[in-house]
Amino acid sequence: MKLLLVWLLNAVALLLVPYVVPGVHIDTFFSALVAVVILGLINAVIRPLFILLTLPVTLLTLGLFLFVINALLFWFAGDILRGFRVEGFWAAMFGSIVYSLASWGFSALLQRPERKKS
């Protein structure tokens, strides 16, 4: 049940991105749901390979190159999906940052505060 809720909240987070970043377009809520699944698969499969291959550059830039990797993968997801479009690298850069922040914020809402045992 929690996985379904996280999926829906990530889709809502992705729907917020076009309101902040002008170069990102999402047609429908269903497109956002599919895009979230594709982004999850890309981040689980392709992103670790990119990070491993670009490790020297990532270390040289003190981790800032990870923003470039995230933007490229966000842009790639926009290219392979029909209802989700990203127009250019900078839209992908800012879109991936906004999506990550919104997704992180929604995930923080799902965390239950721990109760102190007396």
C-alpha atoms as a PDB file:
ATOM      1  CA  MET A   1       0.000   0.000   0.000  1.00  0.00           C
ATOM      2  CA  LYS A   2       2.834   2.367   0.868  1.00  0.00           C
ATOM      3  CA  LEU A   3       4.513   1.679  -2.496  1.00  0.00           C
ATOM      4  CA  LEU A   4       1.333   2.713  -4.317  1.00  0.00           C
ATOM      5  CA  LEU A   5       1.122   5.896  -2.248  1.00  0.00           C
ATOM      6  CA  VAL A   6       4.767   6.743  -2.970  1.00  0.00           C
ATOM      7  CA  TRP A   7       4.141   6.130  -6.688  1.00  0.00           C
ATOM      8  CA  LEU A   8       1.131   8.472  -6.683  1.00  0.00           C
ATOM      9  CA  LEU A   9       2.963  11.152  -4.712  1.00  0.00           C
ATOM     10  CA  ASN A  10       5.921  10.985  -7.102  1.00  0.00           C
ATOM     11  CA  ALA A  11       3.501  11.420 -10.002  1.00  0.00           C
ATOM     12  CA  VAL A  12       2.047  14.487  -8.270  1.00  0.00           C
ATOM     13  CA  ALA A  13       5.594  15.775  -7.733  1.00  0.00           C
ATOM     14  CA  LEU A  14       6.288  15.299 -11.439  1.00  0.00           C
ATOM     15  CA  LEU A  15       3.066  17.140 -12.286  1.00  0.00           C
ATOM     16  CA  LEU A  16       4.334  20.127 -10.287  1.00  0.00           C
ATOM     17  CA  VAL A  17       7.499  20.453 -12.375  1.00  0.00           C
ATOM     18  CA  PRO A  18       5.907  22.106 -15.474  1.00  0.00           C
ATOM     19  CA  TYR A  19       4.533  24.869 -13.251  1.00  0.00           C
ATOM     20  CA  VAL A  20       8.060  25.767 -12.135  1.00  0.00           C
ATOM     21  CA  VAL A  21      10.180  24.858 -15.183  1.00  0.00           C
ATOM     22  CA  PRO A  22       8.842  26.150 -18.532  1.00  0.00           C
ATOM     23  CA  GLY A  23      10.623  23.571 -20.722  1.00  0.00           C
ATOM     24  CA  VAL A  24       8.974  20.512 -19.150  1.00  0.00           C
ATOM     25  CA  HIS A  25       5.550  19.369 -20.376  1.00  0.00           C
ATOM     26  CA  ILE A  26       3.289  16.581 -19.097  1.00  0.00           C
ATOM     27  CA  ASP A  27       0.046  15.851 -20.932  1.00  0.00           C
ATOM     28  CA  THR A  28      -1.998  13.797 -18.475  1.00  0.00           C
ATOM     29  CA  PHE A  29      -1.848  12.262 -15.013  1.00  0.00           C
ATOM     30  CA  PHE A  30      -1.488   8.849 -16.643  1.00  0.00           C
ATOM     31  CA  SER A  31       1.571  10.146 -18.511  1.00  0.00           C
ATOM     32  CA  ALA A  32       3.016  11.257 -15.171  1.00  0.00           C
ATOM     33  CA  LEU A  33       2.385   7.814 -13.674  1.00  0.00           C
ATOM     34  CA  VAL A  34       4.172   6.107 -16.571  1.00  0.00           C
ATOM     35  CA  ALA A  35       6.996   8.667 -16.459  1.00  0.00           C
ATOM     36  CA  VAL A  36       7.551   8.005 -12.756  1.00  0.00           C
ATOM     37  CA  VAL A  37       7.864   4.273 -13.429  1.00  0.00           C
ATOM     38  CA  ILE A  38      10.284   4.875 -16.312  1.00  0.00           C
ATOM     39  CA  LEU A  39      12.311   7.366 -14.249  1.00  0.00           C
ATOM     40  CA  GLY A  40      12.505   4.812 -11.451  1.00  0.00           C
ATOM     41  CA  LEU A  41      13.738   2.118 -13.815  1.00  0.00           C
ATOM     42  CA  ILE A  42      16.266   4.471 -15.393  1.00  0.00           C
ATOM     43  CA  ASN A  43      17.546   5.516 -11.971  1.00  0.00           C
ATOM     44  CA  ALA A  44      17.783   1.901 -10.832  1.00  0.00           C
ATOM     45  CA  VAL A  45      19.513   0.488 -13.928  1.00  0.00           C
ATOM     46  CA  ILE A  46      21.260   3.158 -16.000  1.00  0.00           C
ATOM     47  CA  ARG A  47      22.210   5.729 -13.343  1.00  0.00           C
ATOM     48  CA  PRO A  48      24.592   3.435 -11.405  1.00  0.00           C
ATOM     49  CA  LEU A  49      26.396   2.596 -14.643  1.00  0.00           C
ATOM     50  CA  PHE A  50      26.764   6.289 -15.521  1.00  0.00           C
ATOM     51  CA  ILE A  51      28.017   7.070 -12.033  1.00  0.00           C
ATOM     52  CA  LEU A  52      30.585   4.289 -12.242  1.00  0.00           C
ATOM     53  CA  LEU A  53      31.763   5.319 -15.714  1.00  0.00           C
ATOM     54  CA  THR A  54      32.053   8.995 -14.786  1.00  0.00           C
ATOM     55  CA  LEU A  55      33.546   8.466 -11.338  1.00  0.00           C
ATOM     56  CA  PRO A  56      36.781  10.387 -12.058  1.00  0.00           C
ATOM     57  CA  VAL A  57      34.837  13.429 -13.300  1.00  0.00           C
ATOM     58  CA  THR A  58      32.425  13.166 -10.371  1.00  0.00           C
ATOM     59  CA  LEU A  59      35.312  13.089  -7.897  1.00  0.00           C
ATOM     60  CA  LEU A  60      37.051  15.968  -9.682  1.00  0.00           C
ATOM     61  CA  THR A  61      33.915  18.123  -9.464  1.00  0.00           C
ATOM     62  CA  LEU A  62      33.248  17.051  -5.860  1.00  0.00           C
ATOM     63  CA  GLY A  63      29.981  15.370  -6.839  1.00  0.00           C
ATOM     64  CA  LEU A  64      28.485  18.223  -8.838  1.00  0.00           C
ATOM     65  CA  PHE A  65      28.626  16.126 -12.007  1.00  0.00           C
ATOM     66  CA  LEU A  66      25.825  14.028 -10.502  1.00  0.00           C
ATOM     67  CA  PHE A  67      23.488  16.929 -11.318  1.00  0.00           C
ATOM     68  CA  VAL A  68      24.504  16.562 -14.977  1.00  0.00           C
ATOM     69  CA  ILE A  69      23.871  12.810 -14.875  1.00  0.00           C
ATOM     70  CA  ASN A  70      20.429  13.354 -13.325  1.00  0.00           C
ATOM     71  CA  ALA A  71      19.592  15.980 -15.939  1.00  0.00           C
ATOM     72  CA  LEU A  72      20.667  13.742 -18.819  1.00  0.00           C
ATOM     73  CA  LEU A  73      18.598  10.835 -17.521  1.00  0.00           C
ATOM     74  CA  PHE A  74      15.584  13.123 -16.949  1.00  0.00           C
ATOM     75  CA  TRP A  75      15.994  14.410 -20.515  1.00  0.00           C
ATOM     76  CA  PHE A  76      16.316  10.832 -21.792  1.00  0.00           C
ATOM     77  CA  ALA A  77      13.050   9.870 -20.089  1.00  0.00           C
ATOM     78  CA  GLY A  78      11.402  12.842 -21.776  1.00  0.00           C
ATOM     79  CA  ASP A  79      12.660  11.633 -25.149  1.00  0.00           C
ATOM     80  CA  ILE A  80      11.380   8.066 -24.878  1.00  0.00           C
ATOM     81  CA  LEU A  81       7.903   8.845 -23.506  1.00  0.00           C
ATOM     82  CA  ARG A  82       5.038  10.366 -25.460  1.00  0.00           C
ATOM     83  CA  GLY A  83       3.187  12.402 -22.842  1.00  0.00           C
ATOM     84  CA  PHE A  84       6.325  13.685 -21.104  1.00  0.00           C
ATOM     85  CA  ARG A  85       8.578  16.160 -22.938  1.00  0.00           C
ATOM     86  CA  VAL A  86      11.716  17.976 -21.854  1.00  0.00           C
ATOM     87  CA  GLU A  87      12.955  20.738 -24.138  1.00  0.00           C
ATOM     88  CA  GLY A  88      16.696  20.993 -23.720  1.00  0.00           C
ATOM     89  CA  PHE A  89      19.427  20.408 -21.215  1.00  0.00           C
ATOM     90  CA  TRP A  90      18.716  23.339 -18.892  1.00  0.00           C
ATOM     91  CA  ALA A  91      15.047  22.442 -18.646  1.00  0.00           C
ATOM     92  CA  ALA A  92      16.168  18.917 -17.776  1.00  0.00           C
ATOM     93  CA  MET A  93      18.634  20.245 -15.204  1.00  0.00           C
ATOM     94  CA  PHE A  94      16.138  22.443 -13.388  1.00  0.00           C
ATOM     95  CA  GLY A  95      13.319  19.936 -13.895  1.00  0.00           C
ATOM     96  CA  SER A  96      15.294  17.130 -12.305  1.00  0.00           C
ATOM     97  CA  ILE A  97      16.187  19.358  -9.351  1.00  0.00           C
ATOM     98  CA  VAL A  98      12.582  20.474  -8.821  1.00  0.00           C
ATOM     99  CA  TYR A  99      11.313  16.903  -9.186  1.00  0.00           C
ATOM    100  CA  SER A 100      13.883  15.616  -6.693  1.00  0.00           C
ATOM    101  CA  LEU A 101      13.009  18.301  -4.149  1.00  0.00           C
ATOM    102  CA  ALA A 102       9.254  17.787  -4.530  1.00  0.00           C
ATOM    103  CA  SER A 103       9.620  14.006  -4.330  1.00  0.00           C
ATOM    104  CA  TRP A 104      11.836  14.342  -1.258  1.00  0.00           C
ATOM    105  CA  GLY A 105       9.282  16.654   0.366  1.00  0.00           C
ATOM    106  CA  PHE A 106       6.408  14.255  -0.247  1.00  0.00           C
ATOM    107  CA  SER A 107       8.504  11.343   1.029  1.00  0.00           C
ATOM    108  CA  ALA A 108       9.243  13.301   4.194  1.00  0.00           C
ATOM    109  CA  LEU A 109       5.494  13.656   4.757  1.00  0.00           C
ATOM    110  CA  LEU A 110       5.140   9.875   4.712  1.00  0.00           C
ATOM    111  CA  GLN A 111       7.722   9.332   7.426  1.00  0.00           C
ATOM    112  CA  ARG A 112       6.177   8.628  10.780  1.00  0.00           C
ATOM    113  CA  PRO A 113       7.792  10.308  13.751  1.00  0.00           C
ATOM    114  CA  GLU A 114       9.175   7.800  16.222  1.00  0.00           C
ATOM    115  CA  ARG A 115       7.398   7.618  19.552  1.00  0.00           C
ATOM    116  CA  LYS A 116       9.442   7.743  22.690  1.00  0.00           C
ATOM    117  CA  LYS A 117       9.034   4.748  24.938  1.00  0.00           C
ATOM    118  CA  SER A 118       8.751   5.593  28.610  1.00  0.00           C
END
